[in-house]
Amino acid sequence: MYRKVSAWTRLGAAAGLLAAGGLAAVCQAHGRAADPEVIIEWNQILESVLPPSGLAPPRNYAMLHVAMFDAVNSIDRSHRPYRVSVPAWPAASQDAAAAQAARDILAANFPASIAVFDDALQARLTGINPVLAAQGIRVGKAVAAHVLAWRQNDGWNEAPPAYGLPTFPGLYQPTPPAFGAPQFRQFETTRPFALLTPTQYQPAGPPTLTSQEYADAFNQVQEVGSANSATRTAEQTQLARLFASVTSRTIHWGLWNHVARDTARARKLSLVETARLFALLNASIHDGVQTSHSSKFVYGMWRPVTAVRRADEDMNDQTSADPTWTPLLTTPPYPSHAGNMACVGASAATALALFHGTDEMPFTAVWLGNTGNPDVSRSYASFWALAVDQANSRVFGGIHFAFESVASQQACPKVARYVFENFMQPRETRHH
């Protein structure tokens, strides 16, 4: 609460402007108008503080963007909130609200980088009228505190339970070269961001080992996914490696955030619409990959490297064993079915298509080079085309069967549609 007379005097003057000329007059008189770049700016700040290697959970992106949307929307009030709406003066700075909410979320999750966040916040506040900034800061702090409390005990930080299966044909076993224990099983019991449960849209199960569908997928990945495949094209090899590159700048959901950034700028979206786009995308990705990853521990399907080496046990006369077979990519340490990468792409592409009202929107996806490697760009005519490449890359890399991508591509768009239809809709819209 602000008690200085000078502050209240400025607040009263701003209130008079609001009564005389409306919100636009206040914003013009007391600072820059709402800037959609604040959303993109903090998205990139998050990207910059992620570890240089390893898997950063999509939870970080979802928390950040849910908080920024609810902070902006608490002032704008054009949409139903994602999680919370706090009382706000209509002339409060939406930029300040978004930046403060982002700063508090990231400071809680990455305390070693607080100085980075504080500097970015101060730079964003420069040029905004202090009274309007203070009102926005109050909103941002309140929203961030709510989001942090909501996610504090969501299950992600719990120790994952042990997981092991008998060595029967078709069941997952730890894979070479590390033969490590399965990772991220706690995702099964982590609270979703939107779905009622992680299995609300559980992907369909894999085919039986004796089926034609299994044999076809087996033979495909054995041929094209081998480390020394004679039939995999240079483009397919590139796709496998591009989507397997896990760094702070090219991590799977980071790529889709770059696509969202570019389409938001191309369409000149407002601040609240930009905030909504990123919240929709990242909540959909989080609950999408949670959907596929949870299904892995439901089905416990063996990975291609195990399947090929032990094909003499699968009772399918259309498969043949190769005890030395090695995939192009290193197999992730958890069961195979359904495909996470396919689900990330299907969820993200659907979220973007729903937001923009069309899947057909030309864009360029860019994988940023690292350790001396050049950037790689690929042009796409639709969001789904990128999702297809993302799913296929895992077959080209020898770490997934094609039917696992199909299962994710059927289930995971339902996740994005659920988020779109039940969160952040314009206030006049009602779904039944």
Protein backbone atom coordinates (compact mmCIF):
# COMPACT_ATOMS: atom_id res chain seq x y z
CA MET A 1 0.00 0.00 0.00
CA TYR A 2 1.37 3.40 -0.93
CA ARG A 3 1.13 6.11 1.74
CA LYS A 4 3.30 8.93 0.37
CA VAL A 5 1.30 12.03 -0.48
CA SER A 6 3.22 12.50 -3.73
CA ALA A 7 2.28 9.01 -4.87
CA TRP A 8 -1.38 9.53 -4.11
CA THR A 9 -1.28 12.90 -5.85
CA ARG A 10 0.03 11.26 -9.01
CA LEU A 11 -2.51 8.48 -8.62
CA GLY A 12 -5.31 11.01 -8.35
CA ALA A 13 -4.10 12.82 -11.44
CA ALA A 14 -4.01 9.56 -13.35
CA ALA A 15 -7.51 8.72 -12.14
CA GLY A 16 -8.69 12.08 -13.43
CA LEU A 17 -7.20 11.34 -16.82
CA LEU A 18 -8.92 7.95 -16.78
CA ALA A 19 -12.28 9.59 -16.15
CA ALA A 20 -11.68 12.25 -18.79
CA GLY A 21 -10.16 10.23 -21.58
CA GLY A 22 -10.19 6.56 -20.72
CA LEU A 23 -7.45 4.03 -20.30
CA ALA A 24 -5.72 4.88 -23.57
CA ALA A 25 -5.24 8.50 -22.48
CA VAL A 26 -3.75 7.41 -19.17
CA CYS A 27 -1.32 5.03 -20.85
CA GLN A 28 -0.23 7.68 -23.33
CA ALA A 29 0.21 10.29 -20.63
CA HIS A 30 2.01 8.16 -18.07
CA GLY A 31 4.13 5.66 -19.95
CA ARG A 32 4.42 3.42 -22.93
CA ALA A 33 1.45 1.37 -24.04
CA ALA A 34 1.18 -2.35 -23.28
CA ASP A 35 4.04 -4.04 -25.08
CA PRO A 36 3.62 -7.66 -26.23
CA GLU A 37 7.41 -8.02 -26.38
CA VAL A 38 7.47 -8.36 -22.58
CA ILE A 39 6.10 -11.90 -22.95
CA ILE A 40 8.69 -12.89 -25.54
CA GLU A 41 11.46 -11.19 -23.58
CA TRP A 42 10.84 -13.29 -20.45
CA ASN A 43 10.38 -16.44 -22.49
CA GLN A 44 13.89 -15.88 -23.81
CA ILE A 45 15.23 -15.03 -20.37
CA LEU A 46 13.99 -18.41 -19.15
CA GLU A 47 15.68 -20.05 -22.11
CA SER A 48 18.94 -18.29 -21.29
CA VAL A 49 19.14 -19.61 -17.70
CA LEU A 50 18.33 -23.24 -18.48
CA PRO A 51 21.21 -25.68 -18.02
CA PRO A 52 23.37 -25.97 -21.16
CA SER A 53 22.46 -29.64 -21.45
CA GLY A 54 19.89 -32.02 -20.05
CA LEU A 55 16.11 -32.05 -20.01
CA ALA A 56 14.47 -28.93 -18.59
CA PRO A 57 10.91 -29.73 -17.56
CA PRO A 58 8.10 -28.04 -19.51
CA ARG A 59 6.74 -27.13 -16.07
CA ASN A 60 9.07 -24.08 -16.04
CA TYR A 61 7.60 -22.72 -19.27
CA ALA A 62 4.01 -23.41 -18.22
CA MET A 63 4.39 -21.76 -14.81
CA LEU A 64 6.01 -18.68 -16.34
CA HIS A 65 3.36 -18.13 -18.98
CA VAL A 66 0.31 -18.94 -16.88
CA ALA A 67 1.51 -16.34 -14.36
CA MET A 68 2.20 -13.70 -17.00
CA PHE A 69 -1.18 -14.23 -18.65
CA ASP A 70 -3.11 -14.00 -15.39
CA ALA A 71 -1.14 -10.89 -14.37
CA VAL A 72 -1.91 -9.11 -17.65
CA ASN A 73 -5.48 -10.32 -17.76
CA SER A 74 -6.15 -9.18 -14.19
CA ILE A 75 -5.76 -5.66 -15.57
CA ASP A 76 -7.06 -6.18 -19.10
CA ARG A 77 -9.94 -8.44 -18.00
CA SER A 78 -10.85 -9.40 -21.56
CA HIS A 79 -10.59 -13.14 -20.92
CA ARG A 80 -11.42 -15.63 -18.25
CA PRO A 81 -8.33 -16.20 -16.10
CA TYR A 82 -6.21 -19.30 -16.44
CA ARG A 83 -5.85 -19.71 -12.71
CA VAL A 84 -6.46 -16.48 -10.79
CA SER A 85 -7.66 -12.91 -11.21
CA VAL A 86 -6.63 -10.31 -8.64
CA PRO A 87 -8.18 -6.86 -8.14
CA ALA A 88 -6.43 -4.30 -10.32
CA TRP A 89 -6.80 -0.68 -11.32
CA PRO A 90 -7.54 -0.56 -15.09
CA ALA A 91 -4.70 1.90 -15.72
CA ALA A 92 -2.07 -0.22 -13.96
CA SER A 93 0.90 -1.10 -16.14
CA GLN A 94 0.35 -4.45 -17.81
CA ASP A 95 4.04 -4.54 -18.76
CA ALA A 96 5.04 -4.18 -15.11
CA ALA A 97 2.53 -6.82 -14.03
CA ALA A 98 3.81 -9.35 -16.55
CA ALA A 99 7.48 -8.63 -15.83
CA GLN A 100 7.04 -8.81 -12.06
CA ALA A 101 5.10 -12.07 -12.27
CA ALA A 102 7.80 -13.52 -14.53
CA ARG A 103 10.60 -12.34 -12.27
CA ASP A 104 9.03 -13.94 -9.19
CA ILE A 105 8.31 -17.26 -10.91
CA LEU A 106 11.81 -17.56 -12.33
CA ALA A 107 13.48 -16.38 -9.10
CA ALA A 108 11.72 -19.16 -7.22
CA ASN A 109 12.72 -21.81 -9.77
CA PHE A 110 16.23 -20.54 -10.58
CA PRO A 111 17.49 -18.75 -7.45
CA ALA A 112 21.09 -18.71 -8.71
CA SER A 113 20.04 -16.30 -11.48
CA ILE A 114 18.10 -13.78 -9.39
CA ALA A 115 20.46 -10.97 -10.39
CA VAL A 116 19.65 -11.63 -14.06
CA PHE A 117 15.93 -11.43 -13.35
CA ASP A 118 16.19 -8.30 -11.21
CA ASP A 119 18.19 -6.50 -13.89
CA ALA A 120 15.67 -7.49 -16.56
CA LEU A 121 12.79 -6.31 -14.41
CA GLN A 122 14.36 -2.91 -13.78
CA ALA A 123 15.11 -2.47 -17.46
CA ARG A 124 11.50 -3.24 -18.32
CA LEU A 125 10.18 -0.77 -15.71
CA THR A 126 12.30 2.08 -17.05
CA GLY A 127 10.08 4.72 -18.67
CA ILE A 128 6.84 3.54 -17.03
CA ASN A 129 5.14 6.03 -14.70
CA PRO A 130 6.07 4.97 -11.15
CA VAL A 131 2.49 4.93 -9.91
CA LEU A 132 1.21 2.82 -12.80
CA ALA A 133 4.28 0.59 -12.49
CA ALA A 134 3.71 0.14 -8.75
CA GLN A 135 0.12 -0.91 -9.38
CA GLY A 136 1.27 -3.42 -12.01
CA ILE A 137 3.99 -4.74 -9.72
CA ARG A 138 1.42 -5.37 -7.01
CA VAL A 139 -0.68 -7.41 -9.44
CA GLY A 140 2.31 -9.37 -10.72
CA LYS A 141 3.47 -10.24 -7.21
CA ALA A 142 0.02 -11.43 -6.16
CA VAL A 143 -0.46 -13.62 -9.24
CA ALA A 144 3.02 -15.14 -9.02
CA ALA A 145 2.53 -15.97 -5.34
CA HIS A 146 -0.69 -17.77 -6.20
CA VAL A 147 0.87 -19.75 -9.05
CA LEU A 148 3.89 -20.71 -6.93
CA ALA A 149 1.63 -21.91 -4.12
CA TRP A 150 -0.47 -23.88 -6.61
CA ARG A 151 2.57 -25.71 -7.99
CA GLN A 152 4.58 -25.99 -4.77
CA ASN A 153 3.49 -29.56 -4.00
CA ASP A 154 2.44 -30.66 -7.47
CA GLY A 155 4.52 -33.86 -7.34
CA TRP A 156 7.24 -32.98 -9.84
CA ASN A 157 9.95 -32.75 -7.19
CA GLU A 158 9.02 -36.03 -5.54
CA ALA A 159 11.48 -38.90 -5.78
CA PRO A 160 10.34 -41.17 -8.64
CA PRO A 161 9.28 -44.65 -7.52
CA ALA A 162 11.31 -47.64 -8.63
CA TYR A 163 10.24 -49.34 -11.85
CA GLY A 164 11.15 -52.75 -13.16
CA LEU A 165 9.50 -55.40 -15.30
CA PRO A 166 10.10 -59.12 -15.90
CA THR A 167 12.33 -59.94 -18.84
CA PHE A 168 9.41 -61.20 -20.93
CA PRO A 169 9.34 -60.40 -24.68
CA GLY A 170 7.84 -56.99 -25.35
CA LEU A 171 8.49 -55.55 -21.87
CA TYR A 172 10.86 -52.69 -21.23
CA GLN A 173 14.39 -53.35 -20.06
CA PRO A 174 17.12 -50.73 -19.46
CA THR A 175 18.94 -49.95 -22.69
CA PRO A 176 22.55 -49.52 -23.80
CA PRO A 177 24.92 -47.89 -23.43
CA ALA A 178 24.27 -46.84 -19.82
CA PHE A 179 21.48 -49.30 -18.90
CA GLY A 180 20.21 -46.64 -16.49
CA ALA A 181 17.08 -46.72 -14.37
CA PRO A 182 13.92 -45.26 -15.95
CA GLN A 183 13.61 -41.50 -15.45
CA PHE A 184 10.79 -39.06 -14.70
CA ARG A 185 8.30 -41.63 -13.44
CA GLN A 186 7.05 -38.99 -10.99
CA PHE A 187 5.35 -37.38 -14.00
CA GLU A 188 2.66 -40.07 -13.59
CA THR A 189 1.49 -38.50 -10.33
CA THR A 190 2.37 -34.84 -10.95
CA ARG A 191 -0.64 -32.52 -11.03
CA PRO A 192 -1.44 -31.48 -14.62
CA PHE A 193 -1.78 -27.82 -15.54
CA ALA A 194 -5.19 -28.29 -17.14
CA LEU A 195 -6.25 -31.92 -17.43
CA LEU A 196 -8.15 -33.66 -14.68
CA THR A 197 -5.65 -36.54 -14.60
CA PRO A 198 -2.48 -37.48 -16.54
CA THR A 199 -4.41 -40.35 -18.14
CA GLN A 200 -7.46 -38.34 -19.23
CA TYR A 201 -6.49 -38.85 -22.88
CA GLN A 202 -4.31 -41.93 -22.55
CA PRO A 203 -2.92 -43.03 -25.93
CA ALA A 204 -4.07 -46.35 -27.35
CA GLY A 205 -1.83 -49.30 -26.57
CA PRO A 206 0.76 -50.91 -28.85
CA PRO A 207 -0.10 -53.78 -31.21
CA THR A 208 0.63 -57.36 -30.19
CA LEU A 209 4.09 -58.66 -31.02
CA THR A 210 2.66 -61.27 -33.37
CA SER A 211 0.69 -58.76 -35.48
CA GLN A 212 1.44 -57.51 -38.98
CA GLU A 213 1.39 -53.92 -37.70
CA TYR A 214 4.17 -54.71 -35.24
CA ALA A 215 6.23 -56.52 -37.87
CA ASP A 216 5.94 -53.62 -40.32
CA ALA A 217 7.00 -51.06 -37.72
CA PHE A 218 9.79 -53.31 -36.48
CA ASN A 219 11.25 -53.81 -39.94
CA GLN A 220 11.01 -50.10 -40.70
CA VAL A 221 12.93 -48.98 -37.61
CA GLN A 222 15.42 -51.83 -37.93
CA GLU A 223 16.29 -50.65 -41.42
CA VAL A 224 16.03 -46.88 -41.34
CA GLY A 225 16.94 -46.34 -37.68
CA SER A 226 20.16 -48.31 -37.59
CA ALA A 227 23.36 -46.45 -36.79
CA ASN A 228 24.80 -47.66 -40.11
CA SER A 229 21.59 -47.65 -42.16
CA ALA A 230 22.13 -47.83 -45.92
CA THR A 231 18.63 -46.49 -46.71
CA ARG A 232 18.22 -43.51 -44.37
CA THR A 233 18.65 -40.29 -46.34
CA ALA A 234 20.84 -37.39 -45.36
CA GLU A 235 17.73 -35.32 -44.65
CA GLN A 236 16.31 -38.02 -42.39
CA THR A 237 19.60 -38.24 -40.51
CA GLN A 238 19.58 -34.48 -40.08
CA LEU A 239 16.00 -34.52 -38.75
CA ALA A 240 16.85 -37.25 -36.26
CA ARG A 241 19.80 -35.28 -34.94
CA LEU A 242 18.03 -31.92 -34.92
CA PHE A 243 15.16 -33.08 -32.74
CA ALA A 244 17.57 -35.00 -30.52
CA SER A 245 19.66 -31.93 -29.75
CA VAL A 246 18.85 -31.13 -26.13
CA THR A 247 20.37 -27.80 -25.16
CA SER A 248 18.90 -24.70 -23.59
CA ARG A 249 18.35 -23.17 -27.03
CA THR A 250 17.03 -26.12 -28.98
CA ILE A 251 15.11 -28.16 -26.43
CA HIS A 252 11.92 -29.57 -27.90
CA TRP A 253 9.42 -27.15 -26.39
CA GLY A 254 11.83 -24.26 -26.88
CA LEU A 255 11.60 -24.78 -30.63
CA TRP A 256 7.81 -24.45 -30.53
CA ASN A 257 8.10 -21.34 -28.37
CA HIS A 258 10.24 -19.83 -31.11
CA VAL A 259 7.50 -20.61 -33.62
CA ALA A 260 4.95 -18.95 -31.34
CA ARG A 261 7.19 -15.90 -31.02
CA ASP A 262 7.52 -15.51 -34.77
CA THR A 263 3.80 -15.96 -35.48
CA ALA A 264 2.87 -13.53 -32.69
CA ARG A 265 5.12 -10.89 -34.17
CA ALA A 266 3.95 -11.57 -37.72
CA ARG A 267 0.31 -11.10 -36.70
CA LYS A 268 1.12 -8.11 -34.45
CA LEU A 269 -0.78 -9.61 -31.52
CA SER A 270 -1.67 -7.45 -28.55
CA LEU A 271 -0.06 -8.02 -25.16
CA VAL A 272 -2.95 -10.02 -23.74
CA GLU A 273 -3.24 -12.14 -26.89
CA THR A 274 0.51 -12.81 -26.92
CA ALA A 275 0.34 -13.82 -23.26
CA ARG A 276 -2.62 -16.08 -24.02
CA LEU A 277 -0.85 -17.72 -26.97
CA PHE A 278 2.21 -18.64 -24.91
CA ALA A 279 0.16 -19.88 -21.96
CA LEU A 280 -1.99 -22.05 -24.24
CA LEU A 281 1.05 -23.46 -26.00
CA ASN A 282 3.04 -24.29 -22.89
CA ALA A 283 0.17 -25.71 -20.85
CA SER A 284 -0.67 -27.92 -23.84
CA ILE A 285 2.92 -29.08 -24.18
CA HIS A 286 3.22 -29.81 -20.46
CA ASP A 287 0.02 -31.83 -20.23
CA GLY A 288 0.68 -33.40 -23.61
CA VAL A 289 4.11 -34.79 -22.77
CA GLN A 290 2.78 -35.78 -19.35
CA THR A 291 0.07 -37.76 -21.16
CA SER A 292 2.54 -39.67 -23.32
CA HIS A 293 5.15 -40.14 -20.62
CA SER A 294 2.60 -41.51 -18.16
CA SER A 295 1.43 -43.99 -20.78
CA LYS A 296 4.97 -45.35 -21.05
CA PHE A 297 4.73 -46.76 -17.55
CA VAL A 298 1.23 -48.06 -18.18
CA TYR A 299 2.26 -50.11 -21.23
CA GLY A 300 5.92 -50.83 -20.40
CA MET A 301 6.84 -51.41 -24.05
CA TRP A 302 10.38 -52.43 -24.92
CA ARG A 303 12.54 -50.11 -27.00
CA PRO A 304 13.57 -50.92 -30.58
CA VAL A 305 17.16 -51.69 -29.54
CA THR A 306 15.88 -54.42 -27.20
CA ALA A 307 13.28 -55.60 -29.69
CA VAL A 308 15.76 -56.02 -32.53
CA ARG A 309 18.37 -57.76 -30.43
CA ARG A 310 15.77 -60.15 -29.01
CA ALA A 311 13.54 -60.59 -32.05
CA ASP A 312 14.00 -64.35 -31.88
CA GLU A 313 11.75 -64.24 -28.78
CA ASP A 314 8.80 -62.24 -30.20
CA MET A 315 7.07 -65.22 -31.92
CA ASN A 316 6.68 -63.19 -35.11
CA ASP A 317 8.14 -64.96 -38.15
CA GLN A 318 8.34 -61.65 -40.05
CA THR A 319 11.03 -60.20 -37.76
CA SER A 320 14.66 -61.20 -37.49
CA ALA A 321 17.08 -60.71 -34.63
CA ASP A 322 20.36 -58.80 -34.84
CA PRO A 323 22.19 -59.05 -31.51
CA THR A 324 24.62 -56.23 -32.42
CA TRP A 325 22.04 -53.76 -33.79
CA THR A 326 22.53 -50.18 -32.56
CA PRO A 327 20.25 -47.18 -33.20
CA LEU A 328 21.47 -43.89 -34.66
CA LEU A 329 20.48 -42.03 -31.48
CA THR A 330 21.02 -42.92 -27.85
CA THR A 331 17.83 -44.44 -26.48
CA PRO A 332 16.18 -42.39 -23.67
CA PRO A 333 16.01 -44.21 -20.32
CA TYR A 334 12.32 -45.08 -20.05
CA PRO A 335 9.77 -47.31 -21.79
CA SER A 336 8.86 -46.73 -25.42
CA HIS A 337 5.11 -46.41 -25.93
CA ALA A 338 3.74 -43.82 -26.59
CA GLY A 339 6.13 -41.32 -28.16
CA ASN A 340 6.96 -38.17 -26.20
CA MET A 341 8.39 -36.30 -29.16
CA ALA A 342 5.33 -37.04 -31.28
CA CYS A 343 3.11 -35.85 -28.45
CA VAL A 344 5.01 -32.60 -27.98
CA GLY A 345 4.61 -31.85 -31.69
CA ALA A 346 0.95 -32.87 -31.85
CA SER A 347 0.03 -30.85 -28.75
CA ALA A 348 1.98 -27.78 -29.82
CA ALA A 349 0.79 -27.79 -33.43
CA THR A 350 -2.82 -28.16 -32.35
CA ALA A 351 -2.53 -25.38 -29.79
CA LEU A 352 -1.09 -22.98 -32.35
CA ALA A 353 -3.67 -23.93 -34.97
CA LEU A 354 -6.55 -23.46 -32.53
CA PHE A 355 -5.27 -20.08 -31.42
CA HIS A 356 -4.63 -18.76 -34.92
CA GLY A 357 -7.77 -20.32 -36.38
CA THR A 358 -5.83 -22.25 -39.00
CA ASP A 359 -3.12 -24.88 -39.24
CA GLU A 360 -1.89 -23.47 -42.53
CA MET A 361 0.44 -20.65 -41.59
CA PRO A 362 3.85 -20.54 -43.28
CA PHE A 363 6.82 -20.17 -40.93
CA THR A 364 10.47 -21.07 -40.59
CA ALA A 365 11.73 -23.29 -37.77
CA VAL A 366 15.30 -22.58 -36.72
CA TRP A 367 17.56 -24.88 -34.75
CA LEU A 368 20.28 -22.70 -33.26
CA GLY A 369 23.77 -24.08 -33.65
CA ASN A 370 26.02 -24.79 -30.69
CA THR A 371 29.67 -25.67 -30.11
CA GLY A 372 30.59 -24.34 -33.54
CA ASN A 373 27.72 -25.90 -35.48
CA PRO A 374 25.76 -23.68 -37.88
CA ASP A 375 22.09 -22.80 -37.44
CA VAL A 376 19.67 -24.96 -39.41
CA SER A 377 16.45 -23.57 -40.88
CA ARG A 378 13.50 -25.47 -42.36
CA SER A 379 10.43 -23.85 -43.90
CA TYR A 380 6.96 -25.21 -43.24
CA ALA A 381 3.54 -24.49 -44.67
CA SER A 382 1.67 -25.65 -41.57
CA PHE A 383 2.18 -26.36 -37.89
CA TRP A 384 1.25 -30.02 -38.34
CA ALA A 385 4.01 -30.47 -40.93
CA LEU A 386 6.58 -29.63 -38.27
CA ALA A 387 4.87 -32.02 -35.86
CA VAL A 388 5.10 -34.81 -38.45
CA ASP A 389 8.83 -34.22 -38.89
CA GLN A 390 9.24 -34.23 -35.13
CA ALA A 391 7.47 -37.59 -34.79
CA ASN A 392 9.25 -39.20 -37.73
CA SER A 393 12.62 -38.11 -36.42
CA ARG A 394 12.41 -40.70 -33.66
CA VAL A 395 11.91 -43.54 -36.13
CA PHE A 396 14.81 -42.22 -38.22
CA GLY A 397 16.86 -42.19 -35.03
CA GLY A 398 16.00 -45.79 -34.22
CA ILE A 399 14.44 -45.14 -30.83
CA HIS A 400 10.69 -45.42 -31.56
CA PHE A 401 8.29 -47.55 -33.57
CA ALA A 402 5.99 -45.72 -35.99
CA PHE A 403 2.83 -46.91 -34.21
CA GLU A 404 3.99 -45.06 -31.09
CA SER A 405 3.96 -41.79 -32.99
CA VAL A 406 0.51 -42.56 -34.37
CA ALA A 407 -0.82 -43.20 -30.86
CA SER A 408 0.49 -39.83 -29.65
CA GLN A 409 -0.76 -38.00 -32.74
CA GLN A 410 -4.25 -39.34 -32.07
CA ALA A 411 -4.36 -38.62 -28.34
CA CYS A 412 -2.33 -35.48 -27.77
CA PRO A 413 -4.30 -33.03 -29.93
CA LYS A 414 -7.17 -33.71 -27.52
CA VAL A 415 -5.03 -32.26 -24.75
CA ALA A 416 -4.51 -28.97 -26.55
CA ARG A 417 -8.19 -28.77 -27.47
CA TYR A 418 -9.17 -29.28 -23.83
CA VAL A 419 -6.88 -26.45 -22.73
CA PHE A 420 -8.16 -24.17 -25.48
CA GLU A 421 -11.83 -24.80 -24.74
CA ASN A 422 -11.63 -24.59 -20.95
CA PHE A 423 -9.09 -21.86 -20.20
CA MET A 424 -8.58 -18.19 -21.12
CA GLN A 425 -11.60 -17.91 -23.40
CA PRO A 426 -12.93 -14.41 -24.09
CA ARG A 427 -15.36 -13.49 -21.33
CA GLU A 428 -18.35 -13.35 -23.66
CA THR A 429 -17.67 -16.90 -24.93
CA ARG A 430 -19.24 -19.90 -23.25
CA HIS A 431 -18.66 -23.55 -24.15
CA HIS A 432 -21.14 -26.29 -23.33
